[in-house]
C-alpha atoms as a PDB file:
ATOM      1  CA  UNK A   1     -52.420  25.865-163.454  1.00  0.00           C
ATOM      2  CA  UNK A   2     -49.868  25.222-160.416  1.00  0.00           C
ATOM      3  CA  UNK A   3     -50.619  22.373-158.151  1.00  0.00           C
ATOM      4  CA  UNK A   4     -53.793  23.607-155.631  1.00  0.00           C
ATOM      5  CA  UNK A   5     -52.981  23.835-152.156  1.00  0.00           C
ATOM      6  CA  UNK A   6     -54.722  21.007-150.220  1.00  0.00           C
ATOM      7  CA  UNK A   7     -57.276  23.159-148.060  1.00  0.00           C
ATOM      8  CA  UNK A   8     -60.493  21.592-146.301  1.00  0.00           C
ATOM      9  CA  UNK A   9     -63.437  24.414-147.231  1.00  0.00           C
ATOM     10  CA  UNK A  10     -67.047  24.186-145.867  1.00  0.00           C
ATOM     11  CA  UNK A  11     -69.842  26.111-147.195  1.00  0.00           C
ATOM     12  CA  UNK A  12     -72.685  27.163-145.425  1.00  0.00           C
ATOM     13  CA  UNK A  13     -75.947  26.602-147.308  1.00  0.00           C
ATOM     14  CA  UNK A  14     -78.535  24.504-147.564  1.00  0.00           C
ATOM     15  CA  UNK A  15     -78.396  24.135-151.547  1.00  0.00           C
ATOM     16  CA  UNK A  16     -74.717  23.148-151.360  1.00  0.00           C
ATOM     17  CA  UNK A  17     -72.070  21.051-149.758  1.00  0.00           C
ATOM     18  CA  UNK A  18     -68.351  21.367-150.742  1.00  0.00           C
ATOM     19  CA  UNK A  19     -65.930  18.993-149.229  1.00  0.00           C
ATOM     20  CA  UNK A  20     -61.617  19.303-150.196  1.00  0.00           C
ATOM     21  CA  UNK A  21     -62.839  15.996-151.927  1.00  0.00           C
ATOM     22  CA  UNK A  22     -64.845  15.285-154.895  1.00  0.00           C
ATOM     23  CA  UNK A  23     -68.104  14.113-153.719  1.00  0.00           C
ATOM     24  CA  UNK A  24     -70.378  11.132-154.858  1.00  0.00           C
ATOM     25  CA  UNK A  25     -73.025  12.443-157.362  1.00  0.00           C
ATOM     26  CA  UNK A  26     -72.951  15.201-159.618  1.00  0.00           C
ATOM     27  CA  UNK A  27     -70.689  18.559-158.547  1.00  0.00           C
ATOM     28  CA  UNK A  28     -68.345  21.069-159.112  1.00  0.00           C
ATOM     29  CA  UNK A  29     -64.468  21.157-158.452  1.00  0.00           C
ATOM     30  CA  UNK A  30     -63.505  24.916-158.620  1.00  0.00           C
ATOM     31  CA  UNK A  31     -59.635  25.085-159.687  1.00  0.00           C
ATOM     32  CA  UNK A  32     -58.383  28.489-158.200  1.00  0.00           C
ATOM     33  CA  UNK A  33     -55.405  30.523-159.494  1.00  0.00           C
ATOM     34  CA  UNK A  34     -54.536  34.191-159.008  1.00  0.00           C
ATOM     35  CA  UNK A  35     -51.444  36.434-157.555  1.00  0.00           C
ATOM     36  CA  UNK A  36     -49.422  34.713-154.609  1.00  0.00           C
ATOM     37  CA  UNK A  37     -48.130  37.703-153.058  1.00  0.00           C
ATOM     38  CA  UNK A  38     -49.762  39.600-150.167  1.00  0.00           C
ATOM     39  CA  UNK A  39     -53.110  39.996-149.542  1.00  0.00           C
ATOM     40  CA  UNK A  40     -53.530  36.688-151.891  1.00  0.00           C
ATOM     41  CA  UNK A  41     -51.154  34.594-149.113  1.00  0.00           C
ATOM     42  CA  UNK A  42     -53.745  35.066-146.137  1.00  0.00           C
ATOM     43  CA  UNK A  43     -57.536  35.127-147.779  1.00  0.00           C
ATOM     44  CA  UNK A  44     -60.018  34.604-145.504  1.00  0.00           C
ATOM     45  CA  UNK A  45     -62.765  33.275-147.338  1.00  0.00           C
ATOM     46  CA  UNK A  46     -64.332  33.387-151.377  1.00  0.00           C
ATOM     47  CA  UNK A  47     -67.792  34.765-151.707  1.00  0.00           C
ATOM     48  CA  UNK A  48     -69.548  32.377-154.259  1.00  0.00           C
ATOM     49  CA  UNK A  49     -71.937  32.652-157.055  1.00  0.00           C
ATOM     50  CA  UNK A  50     -72.977  29.890-159.243  1.00  0.00           C
ATOM     51  CA  UNK A  51     -75.388  30.517-161.940  1.00  0.00           C
ATOM     52  CA  UNK A  52     -77.936  28.954-162.698  1.00  0.00           C
ATOM     53  CA  UNK A  53     -78.098  26.909-159.397  1.00  0.00           C
ATOM     54  CA  UNK A  54     -81.165  25.665-157.870  1.00  0.00           C
ATOM     55  CA  UNK A  55     -84.651  26.686-160.091  1.00  0.00           C
ATOM     56  CA  UNK A  56     -82.381  28.644-162.331  1.00  0.00           C
ATOM     57  CA  UNK A  57     -81.276  31.492-160.185  1.00  0.00           C
ATOM     58  CA  UNK A  58     -78.133  32.614-159.056  1.00  0.00           C
ATOM     59  CA  UNK A  59     -77.337  31.333-155.665  1.00  0.00           C
ATOM     60  CA  UNK A  60     -74.446  33.087-153.316  1.00  0.00           C
ATOM     61  CA  UNK A  61     -72.785  31.226-150.750  1.00  0.00           C
ATOM     62  CA  UNK A  62     -69.435  31.763-148.570  1.00  0.00           C
ATOM     63  CA  UNK A  63     -66.740  29.239-148.521  1.00  0.00           C
ATOM     64  CA  UNK A  64     -64.066  29.172-146.074  1.00  0.00           C
ATOM     65  CA  UNK A  65     -61.547  26.818-144.704  1.00  0.00           C
ATOM     66  CA  UNK A  66     -62.795  24.301-142.027  1.00  0.00           C
ATOM     67  CA  UNK A  67     -60.172  25.158-139.137  1.00  0.00           C
ATOM     68  CA  UNK A  68     -60.976  28.883-139.490  1.00  0.00           C
ATOM     69  CA  UNK A  69     -57.395  29.975-140.719  1.00  0.00           C
ATOM     70  CA  UNK A  70     -56.359  31.621-143.805  1.00  0.00           C
ATOM     71  CA  UNK A  71     -55.422  30.252-147.196  1.00  0.00           C
ATOM     72  CA  UNK A  72     -53.189  31.339-150.279  1.00  0.00           C
ATOM     73  CA  UNK A  73     -53.406  30.575-154.098  1.00  0.00           C
ATOM     74  CA  UNK A  74     -53.741  28.090-155.122  1.00  0.00           C
ATOM     75  CA  UNK A  75     -56.139  26.157-154.176  1.00  0.00           C
ATOM     76  CA  UNK A  76     -59.384  24.105-154.847  1.00  0.00           C
ATOM     77  CA  UNK A  77     -62.795  23.145-153.632  1.00  0.00           C
ATOM     78  CA  UNK A  78     -65.555  21.116-153.866  1.00  0.00           C
ATOM     79  CA  UNK A  79     -69.489  22.072-154.628  1.00  0.00           C
ATOM     80  CA  UNK A  80     -71.785  18.954-153.967  1.00  0.00           C
ATOM     81  CA  UNK A  81     -74.798  19.736-156.216  1.00  0.00           C
ATOM     82  CA  UNK A  82     -78.097  18.394-154.527  1.00  0.00           C
ATOM     83  CA  UNK A  83     -80.342  19.231-156.968  1.00  0.00           C
ATOM     84  CA  UNK A  84     -78.279  19.253-160.159  1.00  0.00           C
ATOM     85  CA  UNK A  85     -79.700  20.655-163.230  1.00  0.00           C
ATOM     86  CA  UNK A  86     -77.377  19.301-166.538  1.00  0.00           C
ATOM     87  CA  UNK A  87     -75.755  22.042-168.671  1.00  0.00           C
ATOM     88  CA  UNK A  88     -73.904  25.600-168.480  1.00  0.00           C
ATOM     89  CA  UNK A  89     -72.647  27.201-165.426  1.00  0.00           C
ATOM     90  CA  UNK A  90     -70.915  30.042-164.323  1.00  0.00           C
ATOM     91  CA  UNK A  91     -68.840  30.038-160.939  1.00  0.00           C
ATOM     92  CA  UNK A  92     -67.874  33.827-159.788  1.00  0.00           C
ATOM     93  CA  UNK A  93     -65.772  34.464-156.854  1.00  0.00           C
ATOM     94  CA  UNK A  94     -64.779  37.451-154.913  1.00  0.00           C
ATOM     95  CA  UNK A  95     -61.711  36.742-152.475  1.00  0.00           C
ATOM     96  CA  UNK A  96     -61.702  37.897-149.171  1.00  0.00           C
ATOM     97  CA  UNK A  97     -58.951  39.475-146.989  1.00  0.00           C
ATOM     98  CA  UNK A  98     -59.127  41.027-143.600  1.00  0.00           C
ATOM     99  CA  UNK A  99     -62.755  41.503-144.179  1.00  0.00           C
ATOM    100  CA  UNK A 100     -62.480  42.864-147.051  1.00  0.00           C
ATOM    101  CA  UNK A 101     -63.076  42.304-151.215  1.00  0.00           C
ATOM    102  CA  UNK A 102     -59.265  41.759-152.684  1.00  0.00           C
ATOM    103  CA  UNK A 103     -60.025  40.561-156.114  1.00  0.00           C
ATOM    104  CA  UNK A 104     -62.825  38.676-158.096  1.00  0.00           C
ATOM    105  CA  UNK A 105     -62.849  36.176-160.825  1.00  0.00           C
ATOM    106  CA  UNK A 106     -65.125  33.835-163.335  1.00  0.00           C
ATOM    107  CA  UNK A 107     -65.209  30.475-164.874  1.00  0.00           C
ATOM    108  CA  UNK A 108     -67.841  28.531-166.823  1.00  0.00           C
ATOM    109  CA  UNK A 109     -68.428  24.835-167.633  1.00  0.00           C
ATOM    110  CA  UNK A 110     -70.748  22.177-168.034  1.00  0.00           C
ATOM    111  CA  UNK A 111     -72.975  20.415-165.473  1.00  0.00           C
ATOM    112  CA  UNK A 112     -72.978  16.792-166.271  1.00  0.00           C
ATOM    113  CA  UNK A 113     -75.554  14.348-164.162  1.00  0.00           C
ATOM    114  CA  UNK A 114     -73.820  11.832-161.409  1.00  0.00           C
ATOM    115  CA  UNK A 115     -69.941  13.669-162.506  1.00  0.00           C
ATOM    116  CA  UNK A 116     -67.950  16.283-161.130  1.00  0.00           C
ATOM    117  CA  UNK A 117     -66.981  19.266-163.171  1.00  0.00           C
ATOM    118  CA  UNK A 118     -64.230  21.124-163.148  1.00  0.00           C
ATOM    119  CA  UNK A 119     -64.256  24.769-163.289  1.00  0.00           C
ATOM    120  CA  UNK A 120     -61.567  26.583-163.365  1.00  0.00           C
ATOM    121  CA  UNK A 121     -61.290  30.453-161.769  1.00  0.00           C
ATOM    122  CA  UNK A 122     -58.343  32.733-162.149  1.00  0.00           C
ATOM    123  CA  UNK A 123     -58.531  35.458-159.785  1.00  0.00           C
ATOM    124  CA  UNK A 124     -57.423  39.189-160.091  1.00  0.00           C
ATOM    125  CA  UNK A 125     -56.396  41.627-157.738  1.00  0.00           C
ATOM    126  CA  UNK A 126     -59.306  44.141-157.458  1.00  0.00           C
ATOM    127  CA  UNK A 127     -58.396  47.462-159.385  1.00  0.00           C
ATOM    128  CA  UNK A 128     -60.495  50.203-157.364  1.00  0.00           C
ATOM    129  CA  UNK A 129     -59.765  53.600-159.273  1.00  0.00           C
ATOM    130  CA  UNK A 130     -59.513  52.943-162.627  1.00  0.00           C
ATOM    131  CA  UNK A 131     -62.960  54.371-163.361  1.00  0.00           C
ATOM    132  CA  UNK A 132     -64.459  50.915-164.434  1.00  0.00           C
ATOM    133  CA  UNK A 133     -66.781  49.111-161.720  1.00  0.00           C
ATOM    134  CA  UNK A 134     -65.763  45.682-160.871  1.00  0.00           C
ATOM    135  CA  UNK A 135     -69.541  44.449-160.232  1.00  0.00           C
ATOM    136  CA  UNK A 136     -68.104  42.010-158.364  1.00  0.00           C
ATOM    137  CA  UNK A 137     -66.309  43.898-155.231  1.00  0.00           C
ATOM    138  CA  UNK A 138     -67.183  47.818-156.201  1.00  0.00           C
ATOM    139  CA  UNK A 139     -70.208  49.526-155.725  1.00  0.00           C
ATOM    140  CA  UNK A 140     -68.866  52.281-157.904  1.00  0.00           C
ATOM    141  CA  UNK A 141     -65.344  53.561-159.031  1.00  0.00           C
ATOM    142  CA  UNK A 142     -64.423  57.094-159.004  1.00  0.00           C
ATOM    143  CA  UNK A 143     -67.023  58.790-161.502  1.00  0.00           C
ATOM    144  CA  UNK A 144     -68.403  55.625-162.393  1.00  0.00           C
ATOM    145  CA  UNK A 145     -71.964  55.076-160.699  1.00  0.00           C
ATOM    146  CA  UNK A 146     -73.159  52.782-163.115  1.00  0.00           C
ATOM    147  CA  UNK A 147     -76.449  54.943-163.284  1.00  0.00           C
ATOM    148  CA  UNK A 148     -77.007  54.799-159.520  1.00  0.00           C
ATOM    149  CA  UNK A 149     -78.732  57.904-157.701  1.00  0.00           C
ATOM    150  CA  UNK A 150     -79.696  59.038-154.379  1.00  0.00           C
ATOM    151  CA  UNK A 151     -83.267  58.402-155.410  1.00  0.00           C
ATOM    152  CA  UNK A 152     -82.296  54.462-157.064  1.00  0.00           C
ATOM    153  CA  UNK A 153     -80.330  53.802-153.290  1.00  0.00           C
ATOM    154  CA  UNK A 154     -83.520  54.573-151.477  1.00  0.00           C
ATOM    155  CA  UNK A 155     -81.770  57.744-149.690  1.00  0.00           C
ATOM    156  CA  UNK A 156     -83.741  60.552-150.524  1.00  0.00           C
ATOM    157  CA  UNK A 157     -81.993  62.913-152.703  1.00  0.00           C
ATOM    158  CA  UNK A 158     -78.900  64.941-153.844  1.00  0.00           C
ATOM    159  CA  UNK A 159     -75.551  64.273-154.646  1.00  0.00           C
ATOM    160  CA  UNK A 160     -74.451  60.373-154.951  1.00  0.00           C
ATOM    161  CA  UNK A 161     -70.433  60.183-154.764  1.00  0.00           C
ATOM    162  CA  UNK A 162     -68.094  57.499-155.041  1.00  0.00           C
ATOM    163  CA  UNK A 163     -66.027  56.686-151.892  1.00  0.00           C
ATOM    164  CA  UNK A 164     -62.158  56.005-152.200  1.00  0.00           C
ATOM    165  CA  UNK A 165     -62.706  52.030-151.470  1.00  0.00           C
ATOM    166  CA  UNK A 166     -65.118  51.898-154.052  1.00  0.00           C
ATOM    167  CA  UNK A 167     -68.589  51.672-151.839  1.00  0.00           C
ATOM    168  CA  UNK A 168     -71.426  54.535-152.019  1.00  0.00           C
ATOM    169  CA  UNK A 169     -70.867  58.085-150.564  1.00  0.00           C
ATOM    170  CA  UNK A 170     -74.409  59.250-149.614  1.00  0.00           C
ATOM    171  CA  UNK A 171     -72.982  61.973-147.505  1.00  0.00           C
ATOM    172  CA  UNK A 172     -74.617  64.459-150.443  1.00  0.00           C
ATOM    173  CA  UNK A 173     -77.838  62.594-150.254  1.00  0.00           C
ATOM    174  CA  UNK A 174     -80.883  64.224-148.283  1.00  0.00           C
ATOM    175  CA  UNK A 175     -83.577  62.022-146.963  1.00  0.00           C
ATOM    176  CA  UNK A 176     -87.089  62.586-148.376  1.00  0.00           C
ATOM    177  CA  UNK A 177     -88.771  63.913-145.068  1.00  0.00           C
ATOM    178  CA  UNK A 178     -92.566  62.624-144.333  1.00  0.00           C
ATOM    179  CA  UNK A 179     -94.085  65.509-142.066  1.00  0.00           C
ATOM    180  CA  UNK A 180     -97.740  63.617-141.395  1.00  0.00           C
ATOM    181  CA  UNK A 181     -96.145  60.003-140.630  1.00  0.00           C
ATOM    182  CA  UNK A 182     -96.284  60.603-136.699  1.00  0.00           C
ATOM    183  CA  UNK A 183     -92.657  60.379-136.458  1.00  0.00           C
ATOM    184  CA  UNK A 184     -89.929  63.460-135.972  1.00  0.00           C
ATOM    185  CA  UNK A 185     -87.197  63.181-138.252  1.00  0.00           C
ATOM    186  CA  UNK A 186     -84.995  65.324-140.340  1.00  0.00           C
ATOM    187  CA  UNK A 187     -85.903  69.035-139.536  1.00  0.00           C
ATOM    188  CA  UNK A 188     -89.116  68.318-138.126  1.00  0.00           C
ATOM    189  CA  UNK A 189     -89.838  69.321-134.346  1.00  0.00           C
ATOM    190  CA  UNK A 190     -93.036  67.325-133.787  1.00  0.00           C
ATOM    191  CA  UNK A 191     -95.514  65.218-136.284  1.00  0.00           C
ATOM    192  CA  UNK A 192     -99.039  65.401-134.920  1.00  0.00           C
ATOM    193  CA  UNK A 193     -99.327  63.990-131.570  1.00  0.00           C
ATOM    194  CA  UNK A 194     -95.760  63.687-131.285  1.00  0.00           C
ATOM    195  CA  UNK A 195     -94.007  66.544-129.839  1.00  0.00           C
ATOM    196  CA  UNK A 196     -90.475  64.290-129.129  1.00  0.00           C
ATOM    197  CA  UNK A 197     -90.698  64.982-125.316  1.00  0.00           C
ATOM    198  CA  UNK A 198     -91.009  68.637-125.660  1.00  0.00           C
ATOM    199  CA  UNK A 199     -94.251  71.065-123.604  1.00  0.00           C
ATOM    200  CA  UNK A 200     -94.096  74.713-123.078  1.00  0.00           C
ATOM    201  CA  UNK A 201     -91.370  74.677-120.822  1.00  0.00           C
ATOM    202  CA  UNK A 202     -89.034  72.998-122.806  1.00  0.00           C
ATOM    203  CA  UNK A 203     -89.237  75.481-125.945  1.00  0.00           C
ATOM    204  CA  UNK A 204     -88.927  78.615-123.846  1.00  0.00           C
ATOM    205  CA  UNK A 205     -92.563  79.397-122.312  1.00  0.00           C
ATOM    206  CA  UNK A 206     -94.002  79.378-118.382  1.00  0.00           C
ATOM    207  CA  UNK A 207     -96.843  77.246-118.857  1.00  0.00           C
ATOM    208  CA  UNK A 208     -99.487  75.914-121.207  1.00  0.00           C
ATOM    209  CA  UNK A 209    -100.014  73.495-123.501  1.00  0.00           C
ATOM    210  CA  UNK A 210     -97.996  72.464-126.602  1.00  0.00           C
ATOM    211  CA  UNK A 211     -99.048  71.857-129.981  1.00  0.00           C
ATOM    212  CA  UNK A 212     -97.744  70.783-133.272  1.00  0.00           C
ATOM    213  CA  UNK A 213     -98.473  72.496-136.641  1.00  0.00           C
ATOM    214  CA  UNK A 214     -99.818  70.540-140.007  1.00  0.00           C
ATOM    215  CA  UNK A 215     -96.278  71.965-140.979  1.00  0.00           C
ATOM    216  CA  UNK A 216     -94.212  69.860-137.957  1.00  0.00           C
ATOM    217  CA  UNK A 217     -93.548  73.063-136.424  1.00  0.00           C
ATOM    218  CA  UNK A 218     -94.514  73.657-132.660  1.00  0.00           C
ATOM    219  CA  UNK A 219     -97.648  75.508-131.312  1.00  0.00           C
ATOM    220  CA  UNK A 220     -97.123  77.592-128.974  1.00  0.00           C
ATOM    221  CA  UNK A 221    -100.574  79.435-129.190  1.00  0.00           C
ATOM    222  CA  UNK A 222    -101.675  77.805-126.146  1.00  0.00           C
ATOM    223  CA  UNK A 223     -97.897  78.209-124.320  1.00  0.00           C
ATOM    224  CA  UNK A 224     -97.827  81.746-122.398  1.00  0.00           C
ATOM    225  CA  UNK A 225     -95.048  83.443-121.219  1.00  0.00           C
ATOM    226  CA  UNK A 226     -93.109  82.806-124.060  1.00  0.00           C
ATOM    227  CA  UNK A 227     -90.069  84.877-125.304  1.00  0.00           C
ATOM    228  CA  UNK A 228     -90.018  86.460-128.797  1.00  0.00           C
ATOM    229  CA  UNK A 229     -87.128  86.469-131.046  1.00  0.00           C
ATOM    230  CA  UNK A 230     -85.039  84.192-133.238  1.00  0.00           C
ATOM    231  CA  UNK A 231     -82.857  81.532-131.148  1.00  0.00           C
ATOM    232  CA  UNK A 232     -85.833  81.438-128.638  1.00  0.00           C
ATOM    233  CA  UNK A 233     -86.903  77.460-129.978  1.00  0.00           C
ATOM    234  CA  UNK A 234     -90.356  79.067-131.163  1.00  0.00           C
ATOM    235  CA  UNK A 235     -90.825  79.633-135.045  1.00  0.00           C
ATOM    236  CA  UNK A 236     -92.990  82.940-134.184  1.00  0.00           C
ATOM    237  CA  UNK A 237     -93.749  86.388-135.948  1.00  0.00           C
ATOM    238  CA  UNK A 238     -92.458  86.575-138.882  1.00  0.00           C
ATOM    239  CA  UNK A 239     -89.317  84.139-138.815  1.00  0.00           C
ATOM    240  CA  UNK A 240     -89.513  81.473-141.364  1.00  0.00           C
ATOM    241  CA  UNK A 241     -87.366  78.408-141.968  1.00  0.00           C
ATOM    242  CA  UNK A 242     -85.132  80.486-144.634  1.00  0.00           C
ATOM    243  CA  UNK A 243     -84.173  83.554-141.626  1.00  0.00           C
ATOM    244  CA  UNK A 244     -84.478  81.631-138.494  1.00  0.00           C
ATOM    245  CA  UNK A 245     -83.838  77.686-139.449  1.00  0.00           C
ATOM    246  CA  UNK A 246     -82.931  76.963-135.636  1.00  0.00           C
ATOM    247  CA  UNK A 247     -86.643  78.049-134.322  1.00  0.00           C
ATOM    248  CA  UNK A 248     -88.373  76.996-137.205  1.00  0.00           C
ATOM    249  CA  UNK A 249     -86.545  74.223-138.837  1.00  0.00           C
ATOM    250  CA  UNK A 250     -84.432  73.161-142.121  1.00  0.00           C
ATOM    251  CA  UNK A 251     -86.469  74.087-145.368  1.00  0.00           C
ATOM    252  CA  UNK A 252     -84.849  71.030-146.459  1.00  0.00           C
ATOM    253  CA  UNK A 253     -87.544  68.255-147.028  1.00  0.00           C
ATOM    254  CA  UNK A 254     -90.529  71.211-146.078  1.00  0.00           C
ATOM    255  CA  UNK A 255     -92.191  70.727-149.279  1.00  0.00           C
ATOM    256  CA  UNK A 256     -91.406  74.018-150.531  1.00  0.00           C
ATOM    257  CA  UNK A 257     -88.060  74.503-153.083  1.00  0.00           C
ATOM    258  CA  UNK A 258     -87.449  78.178-151.469  1.00  0.00           C
ATOM    259  CA  UNK A 259     -84.220  79.074-149.326  1.00  0.00           C
ATOM    260  CA  UNK A 260     -81.575  78.244-151.990  1.00  0.00           C
ATOM    261  CA  UNK A 261     -82.791  74.779-152.401  1.00  0.00           C
ATOM    262  CA  UNK A 262     -82.103  73.903-156.404  1.00  0.00           C
ATOM    263  CA  UNK A 263     -83.077  70.984-158.600  1.00  0.00           C
ATOM    264  CA  UNK A 264     -81.805  68.205-159.187  1.00  0.00           C
ATOM    265  CA  UNK A 265     -79.712  68.581-155.949  1.00  0.00           C
ATOM    266  CA  UNK A 266     -82.818  68.925-153.239  1.00  0.00           C
ATOM    267  CA  UNK A 267     -85.914  67.084-152.763  1.00  0.00           C
ATOM    268  CA  UNK A 268     -88.517  69.995-152.400  1.00  0.00           C
ATOM    269  CA  UNK A 269     -87.962  70.956-156.045  1.00  0.00           C
ATOM    270  CA  UNK A 270     -88.610  67.588-157.536  1.00  0.00           C
ATOM    271  CA  UNK A 271     -90.059  66.968-159.771  1.00  0.00           C
ATOM    272  CA  UNK A 272     -88.271  69.580-161.947  1.00  0.00           C
ATOM    273  CA  UNK A 273     -86.396  69.673-165.512  1.00  0.00           C
ATOM    274  CA  UNK A 274     -82.865  69.242-164.266  1.00  0.00           C
ATOM    275  CA  UNK A 275     -83.510  66.514-161.847  1.00  0.00           C
ATOM    276  CA  UNK A 276     -81.883  63.567-164.227  1.00  0.00           C
ATOM    277  CA  UNK A 277     -85.464  62.022-164.322  1.00  0.00           C
ATOM    278  CA  UNK A 278     -88.269  62.734-167.337  1.00  0.00           C
ATOM    279  CA  UNK A 279     -91.296  62.999-165.075  1.00  0.00           C
ATOM    280  CA  UNK A 280     -95.072  62.804-166.683  1.00  0.00           C
ATOM    281  CA  UNK A 281     -95.270  66.050-167.687  1.00  0.00           C
ATOM    282  CA  UNK A 282     -92.087  66.790-169.316  1.00  0.00           C
ATOM    283  CA  UNK A 283     -91.120  65.695-172.987  1.00  0.00           C
ATOM    284  CA  UNK A 284     -88.012  66.012-175.118  1.00  0.00           C
ATOM    285  CA  UNK A 285     -88.912  69.231-176.173  1.00  0.00           C
ATOM    286  CA  UNK A 286     -89.621  70.772-173.077  1.00  0.00           C
ATOM    287  CA  UNK A 287     -86.906  69.200-171.168  1.00  0.00           C
ATOM    288  CA  UNK A 288     -84.184  67.505-173.081  1.00  0.00           C
ATOM    289  CA  UNK A 289     -81.591  67.371-169.901  1.00  0.00           C
ATOM    290  CA  UNK A 290     -83.998  64.679-168.225  1.00  0.00           C
ATOM    291  CA  UNK A 291     -85.604  63.264-171.442  1.00  0.00           C
ATOM    292  CA  UNK A 292     -83.367  63.576-174.079  1.00  0.00           C
ATOM    293  CA  UNK A 293     -83.011  65.742-177.428  1.00  0.00           C
ATOM    294  CA  UNK A 294     -85.457  65.672-179.762  1.00  0.00           C
ATOM    295  CA  UNK A 295     -83.182  66.716-182.649  1.00  0.00           C
END
């Protein structure tokens, strides 16, 4: 490894202290090598994880120059362990430049009480786009989602994708609506007594008392002087969410699998065979796509 540059670092976490010089007591001296070309000549900080640390857990902390400037490779810093436990330890670094992760690397060592242990880490450039997830810098990579879905990320149902920068693209996920929670969201026009600031006049009627149906759509039964027809802001007559979503609200999230909605894409159609989840009513015999082949 090339001689490390003398850069003073500071860590922002109570479990550890850092310094450019070896501390008294137990510590980890992290010697970092890697590319010297841009952007590795102007790094802002390292995001560091140490496993195990206190209480046998992974501890994460940022390490950056004390003067707030940038630095290049090679370099080094020292973590002073305040509650050391002797034994194997792994240090993983994510190199940050211009606010983005540009590379990562890990190294291992053995903590000895009362001594400073050197751990060597070689940073390699991020490889977003190679189809393999780098867990230190990427959520996903191309078509490799690591088994994640819209549902597992808690953003509803639909099609999860990976963005060009290897972060999650949730634009194809549809939130699962919750009609009845008192909040107007998604395709809902209202929810319970929450009319979202509307009254009979704001929905195209002359007067009266506006209400909300159990399906979270405006109920104009007590309004007077209402114009008829799709586009008047009222779900009336034979209108439905399929043929007049502007008046009756989007069919997405209404709890009914209709209007062209499909299994595995729309939340209204789940659970169903084809949604990539082996539900309680499914088996490998009745739904091989979700539960696996019985053969």
